[in-house]
N, C-alpha and C. Protein backbone atom coordinates (compact mmCIF):
# COMPACT_ATOMS: atom_id res chain seq x y z
N MET A 1 -8.59 1.53 -36.35
CA MET A 1 -10.03 1.52 -35.70
C MET A 1 -9.71 0.87 -34.29
N ALA A 2 -10.59 1.40 -33.69
CA ALA A 2 -10.49 1.25 -32.11
C ALA A 2 -11.42 -0.41 -31.91
N LEU A 3 -10.81 -0.98 -31.04
CA LEU A 3 -11.58 -2.25 -30.40
C LEU A 3 -12.32 -1.78 -29.31
N ARG A 4 -13.75 -2.21 -29.74
CA ARG A 4 -14.75 -2.08 -28.25
C ARG A 4 -14.78 -3.15 -27.70
N VAL A 5 -14.72 -3.06 -26.38
CA VAL A 5 -14.49 -3.96 -25.32
C VAL A 5 -15.54 -3.86 -24.18
N GLN A 6 -16.21 -4.91 -23.93
CA GLN A 6 -17.44 -4.78 -22.78
C GLN A 6 -16.59 -5.20 -21.90
N LEU A 7 -16.62 -4.21 -20.69
CA LEU A 7 -16.18 -4.51 -19.42
C LEU A 7 -16.91 -4.90 -18.08
N CYS A 8 -18.16 -4.16 -18.02
CA CYS A 8 -18.73 -4.45 -16.69
C CYS A 8 -20.11 -3.87 -16.68
N HIS A 9 -21.16 -4.08 -15.89
CA HIS A 9 -22.10 -3.06 -15.54
C HIS A 9 -21.89 -1.89 -15.01
N VAL A 10 -22.43 -0.90 -14.95
CA VAL A 10 -21.87 0.38 -14.51
C VAL A 10 -22.33 0.34 -12.97
N ASP A 11 -23.03 -0.59 -12.42
CA ASP A 11 -23.17 -0.76 -10.95
C ASP A 11 -22.06 -1.80 -10.19
N ASP A 12 -21.18 -2.23 -11.12
CA ASP A 12 -20.39 -3.01 -10.68
C ASP A 12 -19.02 -2.44 -9.80
N VAL A 13 -19.03 -1.07 -10.29
CA VAL A 13 -18.06 -0.20 -9.75
C VAL A 13 -18.73 0.95 -8.72
N PRO A 14 -18.57 0.68 -7.37
CA PRO A 14 -19.13 1.64 -6.49
C PRO A 14 -18.34 3.07 -6.40
N GLU A 15 -19.33 3.97 -5.98
CA GLU A 15 -18.64 5.35 -6.13
C GLU A 15 -17.39 5.41 -5.12
N GLY A 16 -16.15 6.20 -5.91
CA GLY A 16 -14.95 6.45 -5.07
C GLY A 16 -14.02 5.15 -4.85
N LYS A 17 -14.33 3.92 -5.78
CA LYS A 17 -13.60 2.95 -5.85
C LYS A 17 -13.02 2.51 -7.10
N ILE A 18 -12.04 1.47 -7.08
CA ILE A 18 -11.26 0.97 -8.39
C ILE A 18 -11.56 -0.40 -8.35
N ARG A 19 -11.94 -0.77 -9.60
CA ARG A 19 -12.13 -2.22 -9.82
C ARG A 19 -11.21 -2.57 -11.23
N GLY A 20 -10.80 -3.74 -11.15
CA GLY A 20 -10.24 -4.22 -12.39
C GLY A 20 -11.16 -5.14 -12.98
N PHE A 21 -11.15 -5.36 -14.52
CA PHE A 21 -11.84 -6.23 -15.14
C PHE A 21 -10.95 -6.68 -16.38
N GLU A 22 -11.09 -8.14 -16.64
CA GLU A 22 -10.57 -8.78 -17.73
C GLU A 22 -11.11 -8.28 -19.00
N ALA A 23 -10.27 -8.25 -20.04
CA ALA A 23 -10.97 -7.72 -21.23
C ALA A 23 -10.34 -8.68 -22.21
N PRO A 24 -11.17 -9.32 -23.11
CA PRO A 24 -10.70 -10.14 -24.45
C PRO A 24 -9.69 -9.60 -25.14
N GLY A 25 -8.57 -10.15 -25.30
CA GLY A 25 -7.46 -9.71 -26.14
C GLY A 25 -6.32 -8.84 -25.45
N VAL A 26 -6.72 -8.58 -24.00
CA VAL A 26 -5.94 -7.49 -23.40
C VAL A 26 -5.10 -8.37 -22.09
N ALA A 27 -3.78 -8.31 -22.10
CA ALA A 27 -3.03 -9.26 -21.21
C ALA A 27 -3.19 -8.74 -19.81
N ARG A 28 -3.68 -7.44 -19.38
CA ARG A 28 -3.49 -7.08 -18.12
C ARG A 28 -5.00 -6.63 -17.86
N PRO A 29 -5.50 -6.66 -16.54
CA PRO A 29 -6.80 -6.01 -16.17
C PRO A 29 -7.04 -4.71 -16.51
N ILE A 30 -8.14 -4.25 -17.07
CA ILE A 30 -8.42 -2.88 -17.14
C ILE A 30 -9.01 -2.11 -15.92
N LEU A 31 -8.57 -0.77 -15.71
CA LEU A 31 -8.94 -0.31 -14.35
C LEU A 31 -10.28 0.50 -14.81
N VAL A 32 -11.17 0.47 -13.72
CA VAL A 32 -12.25 1.30 -13.70
C VAL A 32 -12.54 1.99 -12.63
N ALA A 33 -12.50 3.16 -12.60
CA ALA A 33 -12.99 3.97 -11.16
C ALA A 33 -14.03 4.80 -11.23
N LYS A 34 -14.83 5.08 -10.32
CA LYS A 34 -15.97 5.89 -10.26
C LYS A 34 -15.65 7.11 -9.48
N VAL A 35 -15.64 7.98 -10.08
CA VAL A 35 -15.60 9.37 -9.36
C VAL A 35 -16.72 10.37 -9.59
N ASN A 36 -17.57 10.86 -8.56
CA ASN A 36 -18.67 11.81 -8.76
C ASN A 36 -19.59 11.12 -9.91
N GLY A 37 -19.97 9.87 -9.85
CA GLY A 37 -20.78 9.15 -10.70
C GLY A 37 -20.19 8.81 -12.19
N GLU A 38 -19.12 9.53 -12.32
CA GLU A 38 -18.44 9.26 -13.79
C GLU A 38 -17.58 8.24 -13.72
N LEU A 39 -17.49 6.96 -14.83
CA LEU A 39 -16.76 6.19 -14.80
C LEU A 39 -15.48 6.51 -15.68
N HIS A 40 -14.60 5.99 -15.29
CA HIS A 40 -12.95 6.25 -15.83
C HIS A 40 -12.45 4.98 -16.26
N VAL A 41 -11.72 4.92 -17.09
CA VAL A 41 -11.18 3.66 -17.66
C VAL A 41 -9.79 3.92 -18.21
N THR A 42 -8.90 3.04 -17.63
CA THR A 42 -7.52 3.44 -17.81
C THR A 42 -6.69 2.18 -17.67
N ALA A 43 -5.41 2.17 -17.93
CA ALA A 43 -4.53 0.90 -17.93
C ALA A 43 -4.24 0.75 -16.59
N SER A 44 -4.24 -0.33 -15.93
CA SER A 44 -4.07 -1.04 -14.63
C SER A 44 -2.59 -0.86 -14.12
N THR A 45 -1.64 -0.76 -14.99
CA THR A 45 -0.19 -0.62 -14.66
C THR A 45 0.35 0.56 -14.61
N CYS A 46 1.05 1.16 -13.64
CA CYS A 46 1.56 2.38 -13.76
C CYS A 46 2.70 2.63 -14.80
N PRO A 47 2.86 3.69 -15.65
CA PRO A 47 3.67 3.91 -16.78
C PRO A 47 5.06 4.16 -16.55
N HIS A 48 5.06 4.41 -15.14
CA HIS A 48 6.42 4.93 -14.46
C HIS A 48 7.26 3.48 -14.10
N GLU A 49 6.53 2.78 -13.26
CA GLU A 49 7.16 1.44 -12.74
C GLU A 49 6.07 0.55 -13.01
N ASP A 50 6.29 -0.77 -13.15
CA ASP A 50 5.45 -1.95 -13.51
C ASP A 50 4.85 -2.21 -12.20
N VAL A 51 3.95 -1.35 -11.57
CA VAL A 51 3.23 -1.53 -10.43
C VAL A 51 1.80 -1.43 -10.77
N SER A 52 1.01 -2.46 -10.26
CA SER A 52 -0.48 -2.62 -10.25
C SER A 52 -1.10 -1.19 -9.71
N LEU A 53 -1.96 -0.59 -10.32
CA LEU A 53 -2.86 0.63 -10.03
C LEU A 53 -3.87 0.12 -9.31
N LEU A 54 -4.17 -1.06 -9.44
CA LEU A 54 -5.46 -1.52 -8.70
C LEU A 54 -5.40 -1.60 -7.23
N ARG A 55 -4.23 -1.38 -6.74
CA ARG A 55 -4.11 -1.22 -5.25
C ARG A 55 -3.94 0.12 -4.90
N GLY A 56 -4.03 1.08 -6.03
CA GLY A 56 -3.81 2.69 -5.60
C GLY A 56 -5.11 3.27 -4.94
N ARG A 57 -4.87 4.49 -4.68
CA ARG A 57 -6.06 5.24 -4.07
C ARG A 57 -6.52 6.36 -4.96
N LEU A 58 -7.77 6.42 -4.71
CA LEU A 58 -8.40 7.78 -5.32
C LEU A 58 -8.26 8.91 -4.47
N ASP A 59 -7.98 10.05 -5.25
CA ASP A 59 -7.92 11.33 -4.30
C ASP A 59 -8.52 12.31 -5.31
N GLY A 60 -9.96 12.16 -5.50
CA GLY A 60 -10.76 13.12 -6.14
C GLY A 60 -10.68 12.32 -7.74
N ALA A 61 -10.19 13.09 -8.51
CA ALA A 61 -10.07 12.33 -10.01
C ALA A 61 -8.75 11.92 -10.13
N ARG A 62 -7.90 12.28 -9.16
CA ARG A 62 -6.41 11.62 -9.52
C ARG A 62 -6.31 10.25 -8.76
N LEU A 63 -5.58 9.45 -9.38
CA LEU A 63 -5.10 8.01 -9.11
C LEU A 63 -3.73 8.08 -8.37
N VAL A 64 -3.65 7.70 -7.49
CA VAL A 64 -2.12 7.68 -6.76
C VAL A 64 -1.69 6.42 -6.94
N CYS A 65 -0.40 6.24 -7.50
CA CYS A 65 0.05 4.94 -7.42
C CYS A 65 0.84 4.39 -6.05
N PRO A 66 0.45 2.99 -5.82
CA PRO A 66 0.92 2.58 -4.57
C PRO A 66 2.33 2.26 -4.46
N GLY A 67 3.21 2.38 -5.55
CA GLY A 67 4.28 2.14 -5.71
C GLY A 67 5.35 3.34 -5.23
N HIS A 68 5.04 4.49 -5.72
CA HIS A 68 5.96 5.71 -5.31
C HIS A 68 5.15 7.01 -5.24
N GLY A 69 3.89 6.94 -5.32
CA GLY A 69 2.91 7.85 -4.94
C GLY A 69 2.76 8.91 -6.07
N TRP A 70 3.15 8.49 -7.41
CA TRP A 70 2.75 9.51 -8.41
C TRP A 70 1.47 9.49 -8.74
N GLU A 71 0.97 10.72 -9.09
CA GLU A 71 -0.47 10.91 -9.21
C GLU A 71 -0.98 10.95 -10.76
N PHE A 72 -1.92 10.47 -11.18
CA PHE A 72 -2.36 10.59 -12.43
C PHE A 72 -3.70 11.01 -12.66
N ASP A 73 -4.21 11.94 -13.48
CA ASP A 73 -5.37 12.52 -13.91
C ASP A 73 -6.34 11.41 -14.33
N LEU A 74 -7.32 11.07 -13.83
CA LEU A 74 -8.30 10.08 -14.72
C LEU A 74 -8.64 10.46 -15.85
N ARG A 75 -8.97 11.66 -15.99
CA ARG A 75 -9.66 12.26 -16.84
C ARG A 75 -8.61 12.32 -18.41
N SER A 76 -7.50 12.65 -18.11
CA SER A 76 -6.45 13.10 -19.18
C SER A 76 -5.24 12.10 -19.40
N GLY A 77 -5.13 11.32 -18.11
CA GLY A 77 -4.00 10.57 -17.95
C GLY A 77 -2.57 11.20 -17.40
N GLU A 78 -2.56 12.67 -17.41
CA GLU A 78 -1.53 13.28 -17.13
C GLU A 78 -0.94 12.85 -15.76
N CYS A 79 0.41 13.00 -15.66
CA CYS A 79 1.04 12.81 -14.45
C CYS A 79 1.56 14.00 -13.74
N GLY A 80 1.06 14.18 -12.60
CA GLY A 80 1.47 15.24 -11.72
C GLY A 80 2.94 15.38 -11.58
N HIS A 81 3.59 14.55 -11.50
CA HIS A 81 5.15 14.54 -11.36
C HIS A 81 5.83 14.73 -12.51
N GLN A 82 5.75 14.05 -13.65
CA GLN A 82 6.73 14.14 -14.94
C GLN A 82 5.67 14.29 -15.98
N PRO A 83 5.64 15.34 -16.60
CA PRO A 83 5.01 15.80 -17.73
C PRO A 83 5.23 14.67 -18.99
N TRP A 84 6.13 14.06 -19.24
CA TRP A 84 6.27 13.25 -20.30
C TRP A 84 5.77 11.91 -20.08
N ILE A 85 5.39 11.59 -18.83
CA ILE A 85 4.75 10.35 -18.79
C ILE A 85 3.25 10.44 -18.36
N CYS A 86 2.60 9.46 -19.15
CA CYS A 86 0.96 9.49 -19.29
C CYS A 86 0.53 8.23 -19.40
N LEU A 87 -0.49 7.94 -18.30
CA LEU A 87 -1.42 6.69 -18.21
C LEU A 87 -2.48 6.71 -19.29
N PRO A 88 -2.46 5.52 -20.11
CA PRO A 88 -3.23 5.62 -21.09
C PRO A 88 -4.82 5.55 -20.67
N VAL A 89 -5.59 6.36 -21.00
CA VAL A 89 -6.93 6.41 -20.78
C VAL A 89 -8.04 5.98 -21.88
N PHE A 90 -9.08 5.55 -21.84
CA PHE A 90 -9.68 4.86 -22.86
C PHE A 90 -11.12 5.52 -22.87
N ARG A 91 -11.50 5.78 -24.25
CA ARG A 91 -12.93 6.46 -24.30
C ARG A 91 -13.75 5.29 -24.07
N THR A 92 -15.01 5.94 -23.40
CA THR A 92 -15.90 4.80 -22.84
C THR A 92 -17.42 5.18 -23.48
N GLU A 93 -18.27 4.08 -23.46
CA GLU A 93 -19.62 4.55 -23.95
C GLU A 93 -20.49 3.33 -22.99
N ILE A 94 -21.69 3.91 -22.72
CA ILE A 94 -22.46 2.93 -21.63
C ILE A 94 -23.87 2.77 -22.53
N VAL A 95 -24.13 1.47 -22.70
CA VAL A 95 -25.24 0.92 -23.54
C VAL A 95 -26.05 0.11 -22.66
N ASP A 96 -27.28 0.43 -22.34
CA ASP A 96 -28.35 -0.62 -21.63
C ASP A 96 -27.50 -0.95 -20.25
N GLY A 97 -26.84 0.10 -19.97
CA GLY A 97 -26.24 -0.21 -18.34
C GLY A 97 -24.95 -0.95 -18.30
N ILE A 98 -24.33 -1.25 -19.63
CA ILE A 98 -23.22 -1.94 -19.74
C ILE A 98 -22.18 -0.89 -20.04
N LEU A 99 -20.98 -1.08 -19.49
CA LEU A 99 -19.70 -0.16 -19.79
C LEU A 99 -18.99 -0.72 -20.84
N TYR A 100 -18.70 -0.09 -21.94
CA TYR A 100 -17.59 -0.40 -22.80
C TYR A 100 -16.51 0.46 -22.90
N CYS A 101 -15.32 0.21 -23.38
CA CYS A 101 -14.14 0.99 -23.56
C CYS A 101 -13.87 0.77 -24.93
N HIS A 102 -13.31 1.63 -25.69
CA HIS A 102 -12.57 1.64 -26.84
C HIS A 102 -11.11 1.81 -26.81
N MET A 103 -10.52 0.67 -27.27
CA MET A 103 -9.12 0.32 -26.94
C MET A 103 -8.52 0.86 -28.27
N ILE A 104 -7.43 1.59 -28.13
CA ILE A 104 -6.99 1.97 -29.32
C ILE A 104 -5.75 1.21 -29.89
């Protein structure tokens, strides 16, 4: 069963920006990015190196790691450099303007 976690209000993340939010029971912040009005929720640490993605940059729906420039698709978590590395992405739900994610 997935754990449903409240993260933020949908307006807390401006278009084209990345924000980190603390989640109960989760050791590191959860990354939320807004691209074309859609909120994407992922882990905030690069699965390639232990680098915070909160300092990364967005290139459309791709998140570019500030450590080595590896790119991750925010929709699927796929890495453009190594197909066996994947960024965890979380299913989201918006209820009354509040963003929730379902942690697996």
